[in-house]
Protein backbone atom coordinates (compact mmCIF):
# COMPACT_ATOMS: atom_id res chain seq x y z
CA MET A 1 59.42 11.97 -5.81
CA ALA A 2 59.71 15.61 -4.72
CA ARG A 3 57.55 16.62 -7.69
CA ARG A 4 54.67 14.47 -6.40
CA ALA A 5 54.95 15.72 -2.82
CA LEU A 6 54.92 19.37 -3.79
CA PRO A 7 51.60 19.40 -5.65
CA LEU A 8 49.99 17.28 -2.91
CA ALA A 9 51.39 19.59 -0.26
CA ALA A 10 50.07 22.57 -2.21
CA LEU A 11 46.60 21.00 -2.47
CA LEU A 12 46.20 20.23 1.23
CA PRO A 13 45.49 23.86 2.29
CA LEU A 14 42.98 24.18 -0.57
CA LEU A 15 41.22 20.96 0.39
CA ALA A 16 41.09 22.02 4.02
CA ALA A 17 39.68 25.42 3.05
CA GLY A 18 37.10 23.77 0.80
CA CYS A 19 35.94 21.56 3.64
CA SER A 20 35.61 24.49 6.01
CA LEU A 21 33.30 26.27 3.56
CA THR A 22 30.99 23.28 3.23
CA ARG A 23 28.07 23.23 5.68
CA VAL A 24 27.98 20.01 7.62
CA PRO A 25 24.36 19.05 8.30
CA ASP A 26 23.19 18.60 11.86
CA VAL A 27 22.73 14.98 12.92
CA ALA A 28 18.94 15.43 12.95
CA THR A 29 18.84 17.16 9.55
CA PRO A 30 18.14 14.68 6.73
CA LEU A 31 20.25 14.98 3.62
CA PRO A 32 18.26 16.68 0.86
CA VAL A 33 19.18 14.13 -1.80
CA PRO A 34 20.03 10.46 -1.50
CA LEU A 35 23.69 9.57 -1.70
CA PRO A 36 24.66 7.65 -4.85
CA GLY A 37 24.80 3.93 -4.19
CA VAL A 38 23.29 4.26 -0.71
CA GLU A 39 19.72 3.05 -0.37
CA ALA A 40 17.65 4.76 2.31
CA PRO A 41 16.21 2.37 4.87
CA ARG A 42 12.56 1.63 4.27
CA ALA A 43 9.98 1.06 6.95
CA PRO A 44 8.15 -2.22 6.40
CA LEU A 45 4.68 -1.78 4.95
CA ALA A 46 1.70 -2.67 7.09
CA PRO A 47 -0.06 -5.75 5.68
CA GLY A 48 -3.09 -3.73 4.56
CA ALA A 49 -0.94 -1.14 2.79
CA ARG A 50 0.90 -3.97 1.05
CA LEU A 51 -2.43 -5.39 -0.20
CA LEU A 52 -3.47 -1.99 -1.47
CA GLY A 53 -0.12 -1.58 -3.25
CA ILE A 54 -0.67 -4.88 -5.04
CA ALA A 55 -4.24 -3.90 -5.98
CA GLU A 56 -3.11 -0.56 -7.39
CA ARG A 57 -1.05 -2.41 -10.02
CA PHE A 58 -4.35 -3.45 -11.60
CA VAL A 59 -5.90 0.01 -11.95
CA GLY A 60 -7.14 0.27 -15.53
CA ALA A 61 -7.50 -3.50 -16.04
CA PRO A 62 -10.75 -4.34 -17.83
CA TYR A 63 -13.86 -5.64 -16.08
CA ARG A 64 -14.76 -9.22 -16.93
CA TYR A 65 -17.47 -11.20 -15.17
CA GLY A 66 -15.83 -14.22 -13.54
CA GLY A 67 -12.37 -12.80 -14.27
CA ASP A 68 -9.49 -13.09 -11.84
CA ALA A 69 -6.41 -12.56 -14.01
CA PRO A 70 -4.68 -9.37 -15.18
CA GLY A 71 -4.54 -10.44 -18.83
CA GLU A 72 -8.22 -11.39 -18.97
CA GLY A 73 -9.80 -8.85 -16.62
CA PHE A 74 -11.42 -8.93 -13.21
CA ASP A 75 -14.76 -8.93 -11.54
CA CYS A 76 -14.88 -7.47 -8.03
CA SER A 77 -14.32 -10.66 -6.05
CA GLY A 78 -11.79 -11.95 -8.59
CA LEU A 79 -9.72 -8.82 -8.02
CA VAL A 80 -9.85 -9.35 -4.24
CA LEU A 81 -8.98 -13.04 -4.68
CA ARG A 82 -5.95 -12.32 -6.90
CA VAL A 83 -4.62 -9.46 -4.73
CA HIS A 84 -4.79 -11.58 -1.59
CA GLU A 85 -3.27 -14.55 -3.40
CA LEU A 86 -0.31 -12.40 -4.51
CA ALA A 87 0.12 -11.34 -0.86
CA GLY A 88 0.14 -14.99 0.24
CA LEU A 89 -3.39 -15.02 1.69
CA ALA A 90 -6.20 -17.37 0.72
CA VAL A 91 -9.72 -15.96 0.44
CA PRO A 92 -12.99 -17.40 -0.91
CA ARG A 93 -14.01 -16.63 -4.51
CA THR A 94 -17.30 -14.73 -4.19
CA ALA A 95 -18.12 -11.44 -2.47
CA GLN A 96 -20.75 -13.19 -0.31
CA ALA A 97 -18.26 -15.86 0.81
CA GLN A 98 -15.52 -13.26 1.36
CA HIS A 99 -17.87 -11.27 3.60
CA ALA A 100 -18.80 -14.38 5.58
CA ALA A 101 -15.15 -15.43 6.08
CA ALA A 102 -13.55 -12.04 6.76
CA GLN A 103 -12.92 -10.74 10.26
CA PRO A 104 -15.45 -7.89 10.69
CA VAL A 105 -14.06 -4.36 10.92
CA PRO A 106 -16.15 -1.43 12.17
CA GLY A 107 -16.51 1.34 9.60
CA SER A 108 -14.82 3.72 12.03
CA ALA A 109 -11.70 1.50 12.09
CA LEU A 110 -11.21 1.05 8.32
CA GLN A 111 -7.60 0.86 7.21
CA PRO A 112 -6.11 0.64 3.71
CA GLY A 113 -6.32 -2.95 2.53
CA ASP A 114 -9.59 -3.72 4.33
CA LEU A 115 -12.47 -5.01 2.25
CA VAL A 116 -15.72 -3.07 1.87
CA PHE A 117 -18.91 -4.95 1.00
CA PHE A 118 -22.09 -3.88 -0.74
CA ALA A 119 -25.52 -5.42 -1.40
CA SER A 120 -26.65 -4.10 -4.76
CA ARG A 121 -29.37 -6.62 -5.67
CA ARG A 122 -32.03 -8.32 -3.59
CA GLY A 123 -30.19 -7.59 -0.34
CA THR A 124 -27.44 -10.14 -0.96
CA ILE A 125 -23.79 -9.16 -0.75
CA ASP A 126 -22.66 -9.11 -4.35
CA HIS A 127 -19.96 -6.47 -4.55
CA VAL A 128 -16.60 -5.96 -2.81
CA GLY A 129 -13.77 -3.45 -3.00
CA ILE A 130 -10.45 -2.78 -1.28
CA TYR A 131 -10.37 0.28 0.97
CA ALA A 132 -7.71 2.80 -0.08
CA GLY A 133 -8.07 5.41 2.70
CA ASP A 134 -9.73 8.83 2.81
CA GLY A 135 -13.14 7.37 1.98
CA ARG A 136 -11.97 5.83 -1.32
CA PHE A 137 -11.90 2.20 -2.38
CA LEU A 138 -10.53 0.30 -5.36
CA HIS A 139 -12.74 -2.19 -7.20
CA ALA A 140 -13.75 -3.74 -10.51
CA PRO A 141 -17.08 -1.93 -10.85
CA ARG A 142 -18.99 -3.35 -13.84
CA ARG A 143 -18.90 -4.06 -17.55
CA GLY A 144 -17.54 -1.08 -19.43
CA ARG A 145 -15.68 0.37 -16.42
CA PRO A 146 -12.12 -0.76 -15.68
CA VAL A 147 -10.63 -1.34 -12.24
CA GLY A 148 -10.50 2.01 -10.48
CA TYR A 149 -11.50 4.07 -7.48
CA ASP A 150 -14.85 5.18 -6.12
CA ARG A 151 -15.94 6.81 -2.89
CA LEU A 152 -17.83 5.26 0.02
CA ASP A 153 -19.82 8.49 0.44
CA ASP A 154 -21.11 8.35 -3.15
CA ASP A 155 -24.92 8.09 -2.85
CA TRP A 156 -25.10 4.74 -4.65
CA PHE A 157 -22.40 3.05 -2.58
CA ALA A 158 -23.40 4.66 0.72
CA ALA A 159 -26.96 3.31 0.33
CA ARG A 160 -25.68 -0.22 -0.32
CA PHE A 161 -22.73 -0.46 2.09
CA VAL A 162 -23.19 -3.45 4.42
CA GLY A 163 -19.87 -3.69 6.23
CA ALA A 164 -16.13 -4.19 6.12
CA GLY A 165 -13.72 -6.97 6.93
CA ARG A 166 -10.15 -8.13 6.58
CA PHE A 167 -8.10 -11.26 6.07
CA TRP A 168 -4.81 -9.75 7.20
CA THR A 169 -3.74 -9.12 10.76
CA GLU A 170 -1.79 -6.34 12.39
CA PRO A 171 1.81 -7.25 13.14
CA ALA A 172 2.38 -8.02 16.80
CA PRO A 173 3.84 -5.06 18.67
CA VAL A 174 7.54 -5.31 19.44
CA PRO A 175 8.00 -5.58 23.21
CA ALA A 176 9.89 -2.71 24.79
CA ALA A 177 13.48 -3.43 25.79
CA PRO A 178 13.94 -3.77 29.54
CA ALA A 179 15.35 -0.72 31.25
CA VAL A 180 19.06 -0.81 31.93
CA PRO A 181 19.73 -0.50 35.66
């Protein structure tokens, strides 16, 4: 028993010295690497950002007129339909019907996940994409081009942009806790 106590007693000063040499981070300083087995808390995604995250899974999927499935390909409104369906939201099938049913959003208030609509032929709304932020949107463009990104300020899209809308809503703000007297 004395043999076990002696090595432990000899190690205690070394352990204490080792601890004193280790910098203890300030409370406000985040740890530089995650601790093994400890998952960092995640902020919940805004509904629009969640929609965009779902849509980004389909980047590179082939274009297919009338398509609304990853294995077959997508057309623009089929992509929007599938993304919203996977997020638990029901939307109409066509770009024209999606535009008519969406809650309008001013261009100055676009957020990731909002829909952007275009009239490319005869003035009817026949194309839709999902806004990604920074002037970019994700869509299924046309035959021969897979699902990917384009810019709203591209001459072709800027000339045909007719508006934006959304089917998701902002989460209700959390009321402030009453002040403690």
